[in-house]
Amino acid sequence: MPEDLRALARGVAQEFGLDPDLFVRQIDAESGFDPNAVSPVGARGLGQLMPETARGLGVSDPFDPGQNLRGSARFLRSLLDRYGGDYRLALAAYNAGPGNVDRYGGVPPFEETQRYVNTILGGTKPTQARAAPGADRVIQASQAGCRAAYTSRMR
């Protein structure tokens, strides 16, 4: 099954003009290709979308692999567009929120975010990272802000 999901992720990446290898590594880092993954803060599915973010991206069932991958790809595409095609910044924003990328003028100094970006861009096997205390609230707020910005641009 994971190979089928990897093939689906590659196809979705191509639909959205994303690098298929990087998108596959991102999904692997997010969920290990477990479509039923739920994080301790409530992120769901393959791309670990927060419920509000998922709704803002048109994902009604975050556990549906096709919907989740398309929502995740749409979110990453919007971040790439925002950051001029810079995967490093887009991935950092996907993980820590665009507000943090903007606030720090680049990849935030969060160990989890730095590991996430390096894992995906370096192609190394993802490791389970632990967020700093309180980081979950910052990430949730940042994703909510990004969702609002994305939704208002789509109108």
N, C-alpha and C. Protein backbone atom coordinates (compact mmCIF):
# COMPACT_ATOMS: atom_id res chain seq x y z
N MET A 1 0.82 -1.21 0.00
CA MET A 1 0.00 0.00 0.00
C MET A 1 0.86 1.27 0.00
N PRO A 2 1.92 1.38 0.82
CA PRO A 2 2.71 2.62 0.78
C PRO A 2 3.25 2.94 -0.62
N GLU A 3 3.57 1.92 -1.42
CA GLU A 3 4.07 2.20 -2.77
C GLU A 3 2.97 2.82 -3.63
N ASP A 4 1.73 2.37 -3.46
CA ASP A 4 0.60 2.98 -4.17
C ASP A 4 0.44 4.44 -3.75
N LEU A 5 0.58 4.69 -2.45
CA LEU A 5 0.45 6.06 -1.95
C LEU A 5 1.61 6.94 -2.43
N ARG A 6 2.79 6.36 -2.52
CA ARG A 6 3.93 7.12 -3.05
C ARG A 6 3.68 7.49 -4.51
N ALA A 7 3.15 6.54 -5.28
CA ALA A 7 2.84 6.82 -6.69
C ALA A 7 1.77 7.90 -6.78
N LEU A 8 0.75 7.82 -5.93
CA LEU A 8 -0.29 8.86 -5.90
C LEU A 8 0.33 10.21 -5.55
N ALA A 9 1.21 10.24 -4.55
CA ALA A 9 1.86 11.49 -4.15
C ALA A 9 2.67 12.08 -5.31
N ARG A 10 3.37 11.24 -6.04
CA ARG A 10 4.15 11.72 -7.20
C ARG A 10 3.23 12.36 -8.24
N GLY A 11 2.11 11.70 -8.51
CA GLY A 11 1.17 12.23 -9.49
C GLY A 11 0.57 13.55 -9.05
N VAL A 12 0.20 13.64 -7.77
CA VAL A 12 -0.35 14.88 -7.24
C VAL A 12 0.69 15.99 -7.30
N ALA A 13 1.94 15.66 -6.96
CA ALA A 13 3.01 16.66 -7.03
C ALA A 13 3.11 17.22 -8.44
N GLN A 14 3.04 16.36 -9.42
CA GLN A 14 3.13 16.82 -10.81
C GLN A 14 1.95 17.71 -11.17
N GLU A 15 0.75 17.37 -10.68
CA GLU A 15 -0.44 18.19 -10.93
C GLU A 15 -0.23 19.63 -10.46
N PHE A 16 0.47 19.78 -9.34
CA PHE A 16 0.65 21.10 -8.72
C PHE A 16 2.00 21.72 -9.03
N GLY A 17 2.75 21.11 -9.93
CA GLY A 17 4.04 21.66 -10.32
C GLY A 17 5.09 21.59 -9.22
N LEU A 18 5.00 20.56 -8.38
CA LEU A 18 5.96 20.37 -7.29
C LEU A 18 6.99 19.32 -7.68
N ASP A 19 8.14 19.36 -7.06
CA ASP A 19 9.16 18.34 -7.25
C ASP A 19 8.63 17.05 -6.62
N PRO A 20 8.39 16.00 -7.42
CA PRO A 20 7.80 14.76 -6.88
C PRO A 20 8.66 14.10 -5.79
N ASP A 21 9.97 14.11 -5.96
CA ASP A 21 10.84 13.49 -4.95
C ASP A 21 10.73 14.22 -3.61
N LEU A 22 10.74 15.55 -3.66
CA LEU A 22 10.64 16.32 -2.42
C LEU A 22 9.27 16.15 -1.77
N PHE A 23 8.22 16.11 -2.59
CA PHE A 23 6.88 15.94 -2.03
C PHE A 23 6.74 14.57 -1.36
N VAL A 24 7.28 13.54 -1.97
CA VAL A 24 7.24 12.20 -1.37
C VAL A 24 8.00 12.21 -0.05
N ARG A 25 9.16 12.85 -0.02
CA ARG A 25 9.93 12.91 1.24
C ARG A 25 9.18 13.73 2.29
N GLN A 26 8.48 14.77 1.85
CA GLN A 26 7.70 15.57 2.80
C GLN A 26 6.60 14.73 3.43
N ILE A 27 5.87 14.01 2.62
CA ILE A 27 4.78 13.18 3.15
C ILE A 27 5.34 12.09 4.05
N ASP A 28 6.48 11.53 3.69
CA ASP A 28 7.12 10.54 4.54
C ASP A 28 7.49 11.16 5.88
N ALA A 29 8.02 12.38 5.86
CA ALA A 29 8.38 13.06 7.10
C ALA A 29 7.15 13.40 7.93
N GLU A 30 6.06 13.75 7.26
CA GLU A 30 4.84 14.13 7.97
C GLU A 30 4.15 12.94 8.64
N SER A 31 3.98 11.86 7.90
CA SER A 31 3.14 10.77 8.40
C SER A 31 3.71 9.37 8.21
N GLY A 32 4.86 9.26 7.56
CA GLY A 32 5.37 7.92 7.25
C GLY A 32 4.44 7.19 6.30
N PHE A 33 3.66 7.95 5.53
CA PHE A 33 2.68 7.44 4.58
C PHE A 33 1.58 6.63 5.26
N ASP A 34 1.24 7.03 6.49
CA ASP A 34 0.10 6.44 7.20
C ASP A 34 -1.09 7.38 7.00
N PRO A 35 -2.07 6.98 6.17
CA PRO A 35 -3.20 7.88 5.90
C PRO A 35 -4.09 8.14 7.12
N ASN A 36 -3.93 7.33 8.17
CA ASN A 36 -4.74 7.49 9.38
C ASN A 36 -3.97 8.17 10.51
N ALA A 37 -2.80 8.73 10.20
CA ALA A 37 -1.97 9.37 11.22
C ALA A 37 -2.69 10.58 11.82
N VAL A 38 -2.57 10.70 13.13
CA VAL A 38 -3.09 11.86 13.86
C VAL A 38 -1.99 12.29 14.83
N SER A 39 -1.59 13.55 14.76
CA SER A 39 -0.54 14.05 15.65
C SER A 39 -1.13 14.37 17.02
N PRO A 40 -0.27 14.56 18.01
CA PRO A 40 -0.76 14.94 19.34
C PRO A 40 -1.55 16.25 19.36
N VAL A 41 -1.33 17.13 18.36
CA VAL A 41 -2.07 18.39 18.32
C VAL A 41 -3.27 18.34 17.37
N GLY A 42 -3.52 17.18 16.77
CA GLY A 42 -4.71 17.02 15.94
C GLY A 42 -4.52 17.11 14.44
N ALA A 43 -3.27 17.25 13.97
CA ALA A 43 -3.03 17.24 12.52
C ALA A 43 -3.35 15.85 12.00
N ARG A 44 -3.93 15.79 10.79
CA ARG A 44 -4.47 14.52 10.32
C ARG A 44 -4.00 14.15 8.93
N GLY A 45 -3.91 12.83 8.74
CA GLY A 45 -3.69 12.27 7.41
C GLY A 45 -2.26 12.33 6.93
N LEU A 46 -2.11 12.03 5.67
CA LEU A 46 -0.79 11.91 5.05
C LEU A 46 0.04 13.17 5.17
N GLY A 47 -0.56 14.32 4.90
CA GLY A 47 0.17 15.59 4.95
C GLY A 47 0.06 16.30 6.28
N GLN A 48 -0.57 15.64 7.27
CA GLN A 48 -0.72 16.18 8.62
C GLN A 48 -1.30 17.60 8.60
N LEU A 49 -2.47 17.72 8.01
CA LEU A 49 -3.17 19.00 7.96
C LEU A 49 -3.99 19.20 9.22
N MET A 50 -3.91 20.40 9.78
CA MET A 50 -4.78 20.76 10.89
C MET A 50 -6.20 20.88 10.34
N PRO A 51 -7.22 20.56 11.15
CA PRO A 51 -8.60 20.58 10.65
C PRO A 51 -9.00 21.88 9.96
N GLU A 52 -8.67 23.04 10.55
CA GLU A 52 -9.04 24.32 9.94
C GLU A 52 -8.30 24.54 8.62
N THR A 53 -7.03 24.15 8.60
CA THR A 53 -6.24 24.28 7.38
C THR A 53 -6.84 23.39 6.29
N ALA A 54 -7.16 22.16 6.67
CA ALA A 54 -7.75 21.23 5.70
C ALA A 54 -9.03 21.80 5.11
N ARG A 55 -9.91 22.30 5.96
CA ARG A 55 -11.17 22.88 5.47
C ARG A 55 -10.90 24.05 4.52
N GLY A 56 -9.96 24.89 4.88
CA GLY A 56 -9.61 26.03 4.03
C GLY A 56 -9.05 25.64 2.68
N LEU A 57 -8.52 24.43 2.61
CA LEU A 57 -7.94 23.92 1.36
C LEU A 57 -8.93 23.03 0.61
N GLY A 58 -10.15 22.95 1.11
CA GLY A 58 -11.18 22.15 0.44
C GLY A 58 -11.11 20.67 0.74
N VAL A 59 -10.45 20.29 1.82
CA VAL A 59 -10.34 18.88 2.20
C VAL A 59 -11.45 18.57 3.20
N SER A 60 -12.45 17.81 2.77
CA SER A 60 -13.56 17.47 3.66
C SER A 60 -13.26 16.22 4.48
N ASP A 61 -12.42 15.33 3.97
CA ASP A 61 -12.04 14.12 4.69
C ASP A 61 -10.52 14.01 4.70
N PRO A 62 -9.88 14.47 5.77
CA PRO A 62 -8.41 14.47 5.80
C PRO A 62 -7.80 13.07 5.81
N PHE A 63 -8.62 12.04 6.03
CA PHE A 63 -8.10 10.67 6.02
C PHE A 63 -8.22 10.03 4.64
N ASP A 64 -8.82 10.74 3.70
CA ASP A 64 -8.87 10.27 2.32
C ASP A 64 -7.53 10.63 1.68
N PRO A 65 -6.74 9.63 1.26
CA PRO A 65 -5.40 9.92 0.75
C PRO A 65 -5.38 10.93 -0.41
N GLY A 66 -6.29 10.80 -1.35
CA GLY A 66 -6.30 11.72 -2.49
C GLY A 66 -6.61 13.14 -2.07
N GLN A 67 -7.63 13.31 -1.23
CA GLN A 67 -7.98 14.66 -0.76
C GLN A 67 -6.85 15.27 0.05
N ASN A 68 -6.27 14.48 0.95
CA ASN A 68 -5.23 15.01 1.81
C ASN A 68 -3.99 15.39 1.01
N LEU A 69 -3.60 14.52 0.08
CA LEU A 69 -2.42 14.83 -0.73
C LEU A 69 -2.65 16.07 -1.58
N ARG A 70 -3.84 16.20 -2.15
CA ARG A 70 -4.13 17.39 -2.96
C ARG A 70 -4.16 18.65 -2.10
N GLY A 71 -4.74 18.55 -0.92
CA GLY A 71 -4.73 19.70 -0.01
C GLY A 71 -3.33 20.06 0.43
N SER A 72 -2.53 19.06 0.74
CA SER A 72 -1.15 19.29 1.15
C SER A 72 -0.34 19.91 0.01
N ALA A 73 -0.55 19.41 -1.20
CA ALA A 73 0.15 19.95 -2.37
C ALA A 73 -0.30 21.39 -2.65
N ARG A 74 -1.60 21.64 -2.52
CA ARG A 74 -2.12 23.00 -2.73
C ARG A 74 -1.51 23.96 -1.71
N PHE A 75 -1.41 23.51 -0.46
CA PHE A 75 -0.83 24.32 0.60
C PHE A 75 0.65 24.59 0.31
N LEU A 76 1.40 23.55 -0.04
CA LEU A 76 2.82 23.73 -0.35
C LEU A 76 2.99 24.64 -1.57
N ARG A 77 2.15 24.45 -2.59
CA ARG A 77 2.24 25.29 -3.80
C ARG A 77 2.02 26.76 -3.43
N SER A 78 1.04 27.03 -2.56
CA SER A 78 0.78 28.42 -2.16
C SER A 78 1.97 28.99 -1.40
N LEU A 79 2.63 28.17 -0.61
CA LEU A 79 3.81 28.63 0.13
C LEU A 79 4.99 28.85 -0.81
N LEU A 80 5.15 27.98 -1.79
CA LEU A 80 6.21 28.18 -2.79
C LEU A 80 5.98 29.48 -3.56
N ASP A 81 4.73 29.74 -3.90
CA ASP A 81 4.41 30.98 -4.60
C ASP A 81 4.71 32.19 -3.71
N ARG A 82 4.38 32.08 -2.46
CA ARG A 82 4.61 33.17 -1.50
C ARG A 82 6.10 33.46 -1.34
N TYR A 83 6.92 32.39 -1.34
CA TYR A 83 8.36 32.54 -1.10
C TYR A 83 9.19 32.39 -2.37
N GLY A 84 8.63 32.76 -3.49
CA GLY A 84 9.38 32.83 -4.74
C GLY A 84 9.99 31.52 -5.18
N GLY A 85 9.34 30.40 -4.89
CA GLY A 85 9.83 29.10 -5.32
C GLY A 85 10.90 28.50 -4.43
N ASP A 86 11.18 29.13 -3.30
CA ASP A 86 12.21 28.65 -2.37
C ASP A 86 11.64 27.51 -1.51
N TYR A 87 12.04 26.28 -1.85
CA TYR A 87 11.54 25.11 -1.12
C TYR A 87 11.93 25.17 0.36
N ARG A 88 13.10 25.67 0.65
CA ARG A 88 13.55 25.73 2.05
C ARG A 88 12.57 26.56 2.88
N LEU A 89 12.21 27.74 2.38
CA LEU A 89 11.28 28.60 3.11
C LEU A 89 9.86 28.03 3.10
N ALA A 90 9.44 27.48 1.97
CA ALA A 90 8.09 26.92 1.88
C ALA A 90 7.92 25.75 2.84
N LEU A 91 8.91 24.88 2.91
CA LEU A 91 8.84 23.74 3.83
C LEU A 91 8.87 24.20 5.28
N ALA A 92 9.69 25.20 5.57
CA ALA A 92 9.72 25.74 6.93
C ALA A 92 8.36 26.32 7.30
N ALA A 93 7.72 27.01 6.35
CA ALA A 93 6.40 27.58 6.61
C ALA A 93 5.35 26.50 6.76
N TYR A 94 5.46 25.43 6.00
CA TYR A 94 4.52 24.31 6.13
C TYR A 94 4.61 23.73 7.54
N ASN A 95 5.82 23.65 8.06
CA ASN A 95 6.04 23.04 9.37
C ASN A 95 5.76 24.00 10.52
N ALA A 96 6.28 25.22 10.44
CA ALA A 96 6.20 26.14 11.57
C ALA A 96 5.26 27.31 11.35
N GLY A 97 4.72 27.42 10.15
CA GLY A 97 3.83 28.52 9.83
C GLY A 97 4.55 29.66 9.16
N PRO A 98 3.91 30.30 8.17
CA PRO A 98 4.55 31.41 7.47
C PRO A 98 4.86 32.60 8.38
N GLY A 99 4.07 32.78 9.42
CA GLY A 99 4.36 33.88 10.35
C GLY A 99 5.73 33.74 10.98
N ASN A 100 6.11 32.53 11.31
CA ASN A 100 7.42 32.31 11.90
C ASN A 100 8.54 32.49 10.88
N VAL A 101 8.31 32.07 9.64
CA VAL A 101 9.31 32.27 8.59
C VAL A 101 9.51 33.76 8.36
N ASP A 102 8.42 34.50 8.31
CA ASP A 102 8.50 35.95 8.12
C ASP A 102 9.16 36.62 9.32
N ARG A 103 8.77 36.21 10.51
CA ARG A 103 9.31 36.81 11.73
C ARG A 103 10.82 36.64 11.83
N TYR A 104 11.32 35.47 11.45
CA TYR A 104 12.76 35.20 11.56
C TYR A 104 13.52 35.48 10.26
N GLY A 105 12.82 35.86 9.22
CA GLY A 105 13.48 36.17 7.96
C GLY A 105 14.13 34.96 7.32
N GLY A 106 13.56 33.79 7.55
CA GLY A 106 14.10 32.54 7.01
C GLY A 106 13.61 31.37 7.83
N VAL A 107 14.32 30.27 7.75
CA VAL A 107 13.94 29.09 8.52
C VAL A 107 14.05 29.43 10.00
N PRO A 108 12.97 29.28 10.76
CA PRO A 108 13.02 29.63 12.19
C PRO A 108 14.03 28.76 12.95
N PRO A 109 14.51 29.27 14.07
CA PRO A 109 15.52 28.54 14.82
C PRO A 109 14.94 27.43 15.70
N PHE A 110 13.89 26.79 15.21
CA PHE A 110 13.27 25.69 15.95
C PHE A 110 13.93 24.40 15.49
N GLU A 111 14.41 23.61 16.44
CA GLU A 111 15.09 22.36 16.10
C GLU A 111 14.23 21.47 15.22
N GLU A 112 12.94 21.35 15.57
CA GLU A 112 12.04 20.50 14.78
C GLU A 112 11.96 20.98 13.34
N THR A 113 11.79 22.28 13.15
CA THR A 113 11.64 22.83 11.80
C THR A 113 12.93 22.68 11.01
N GLN A 114 14.06 22.95 11.62
CA GLN A 114 15.33 22.79 10.93
C GLN A 114 15.56 21.34 10.52
N ARG A 115 15.24 20.41 11.42
CA ARG A 115 15.39 18.99 11.12
C ARG A 115 14.44 18.59 9.98
N TYR A 116 13.23 19.09 10.03
CA TYR A 116 12.21 18.80 9.01
C TYR A 116 12.70 19.24 7.63
N VAL A 117 13.14 20.48 7.53
CA VAL A 117 13.61 21.02 6.25
C VAL A 117 14.82 20.24 5.76
N ASN A 118 15.78 20.00 6.63
CA ASN A 118 16.99 19.28 6.23
C ASN A 118 16.69 17.83 5.83
N THR A 119 15.76 17.20 6.52
CA THR A 119 15.39 15.83 6.18
C THR A 119 14.80 15.77 4.77
N ILE A 120 13.92 16.69 4.47
CA ILE A 120 13.25 16.66 3.16
C ILE A 120 14.22 17.08 2.05
N LEU A 121 14.94 18.14 2.26
CA LEU A 121 15.85 18.60 1.20
C LEU A 121 17.10 17.74 1.09
N GLY A 122 17.51 17.13 2.22
CA GLY A 122 18.69 16.28 2.20
C GLY A 122 18.40 14.84 1.86
N GLY A 123 17.13 14.48 1.95
CA GLY A 123 16.74 13.12 1.60
C GLY A 123 17.07 12.08 2.65
N THR A 124 17.41 12.51 3.86
CA THR A 124 17.72 11.54 4.90
C THR A 124 16.43 10.99 5.49
N LYS A 125 16.54 9.86 6.15
CA LYS A 125 15.36 9.24 6.76
C LYS A 125 14.83 10.14 7.87
N PRO A 126 13.52 10.41 7.85
CA PRO A 126 12.95 11.26 8.89
C PRO A 126 13.10 10.63 10.27
N THR A 127 13.30 11.46 11.26
CA THR A 127 13.33 11.00 12.65
C THR A 127 12.21 11.71 13.39
N GLN A 128 11.77 11.09 14.44
CA GLN A 128 10.69 11.70 15.23
C GLN A 128 11.27 12.88 15.99
N ALA A 129 10.81 14.07 15.68
CA ALA A 129 11.30 15.27 16.35
C ALA A 129 10.29 15.70 17.40
N ARG A 130 10.78 16.27 18.45
CA ARG A 130 9.91 16.80 19.50
C ARG A 130 9.94 18.31 19.44
N ALA A 131 8.76 18.88 19.45
CA ALA A 131 8.66 20.34 19.40
C ALA A 131 8.99 20.92 20.77
N ALA A 132 9.45 22.14 20.76
CA ALA A 132 9.69 22.85 22.01
C ALA A 132 8.36 23.08 22.71
N PRO A 133 8.35 23.15 24.04
CA PRO A 133 7.10 23.39 24.75
C PRO A 133 6.40 24.65 24.22
N GLY A 134 5.13 24.52 23.95
CA GLY A 134 4.35 25.65 23.44
C GLY A 134 4.40 25.82 21.94
N ALA A 135 5.27 25.08 21.24
CA ALA A 135 5.40 25.24 19.79
C ALA A 135 4.13 24.82 19.08
N ASP A 136 3.41 23.85 19.63
CA ASP A 136 2.18 23.40 18.98
C ASP A 136 1.18 24.54 18.85
N ARG A 137 1.06 25.38 19.88
CA ARG A 137 0.13 26.51 19.81
C ARG A 137 0.57 27.51 18.76
N VAL A 138 1.88 27.74 18.66
CA VAL A 138 2.40 28.67 17.66
C VAL A 138 2.12 28.15 16.26
N ILE A 139 2.35 26.86 16.05
CA ILE A 139 2.13 26.25 14.73
C ILE A 139 0.65 26.29 14.38
N GLN A 140 -0.22 25.95 15.33
CA GLN A 140 -1.66 25.99 15.06
C GLN A 140 -2.09 27.40 14.68
N ALA A 141 -1.64 28.39 15.42
CA ALA A 141 -2.01 29.78 15.13
C ALA A 141 -1.47 30.20 13.76
N SER A 142 -0.26 29.80 13.45
CA SER A 142 0.33 30.15 12.16
C SER A 142 -0.41 29.50 11.01
N GLN A 143 -0.79 28.21 11.18
CA GLN A 143 -1.54 27.54 10.14
C GLN A 143 -2.90 28.20 9.95
N ALA A 144 -3.53 28.59 11.06
CA ALA A 144 -4.83 29.27 10.95
C ALA A 144 -4.68 30.58 10.19
N GLY A 145 -3.62 31.32 10.46
CA GLY A 145 -3.38 32.58 9.75
C GLY A 145 -3.12 32.35 8.28
N CYS A 146 -2.39 31.31 7.96
CA CYS A 146 -2.10 30.98 6.56
C CYS A 146 -3.39 30.56 5.86
N ARG A 147 -4.21 29.78 6.56
CA ARG A 147 -5.48 29.34 5.97
C ARG A 147 -6.34 30.54 5.65
N ALA A 148 -6.40 31.51 6.57
CA ALA A 148 -7.22 32.71 6.33
C ALA A 148 -6.67 33.48 5.14
N ALA A 149 -5.36 33.61 5.06
CA ALA A 149 -4.76 34.33 3.94
C ALA A 149 -5.01 33.61 2.63
N TYR A 150 -4.88 32.27 2.66
CA TYR A 150 -5.10 31.49 1.44
C TYR A 150 -6.56 31.60 1.01
N THR A 151 -7.48 31.48 1.97
CA THR A 151 -8.91 31.54 1.66
C THR A 151 -9.27 32.91 1.08
N SER A 152 -8.72 33.98 1.66
CA SER A 152 -9.07 35.32 1.15
C SER A 152 -8.50 35.54 -0.25
N ARG A 153 -7.33 34.94 -0.57
CA ARG A 153 -6.77 35.06 -1.92
C ARG A 153 -7.59 34.30 -2.94
N MET A 154 -8.26 33.25 -2.50
CA MET A 154 -9.03 32.40 -3.42
C MET A 154 -10.38 33.01 -3.76
N ARG A 155 -10.81 34.04 -3.04
CA ARG A 155 -12.12 34.66 -3.29
C ARG A 155 -12.10 35.57 -4.46
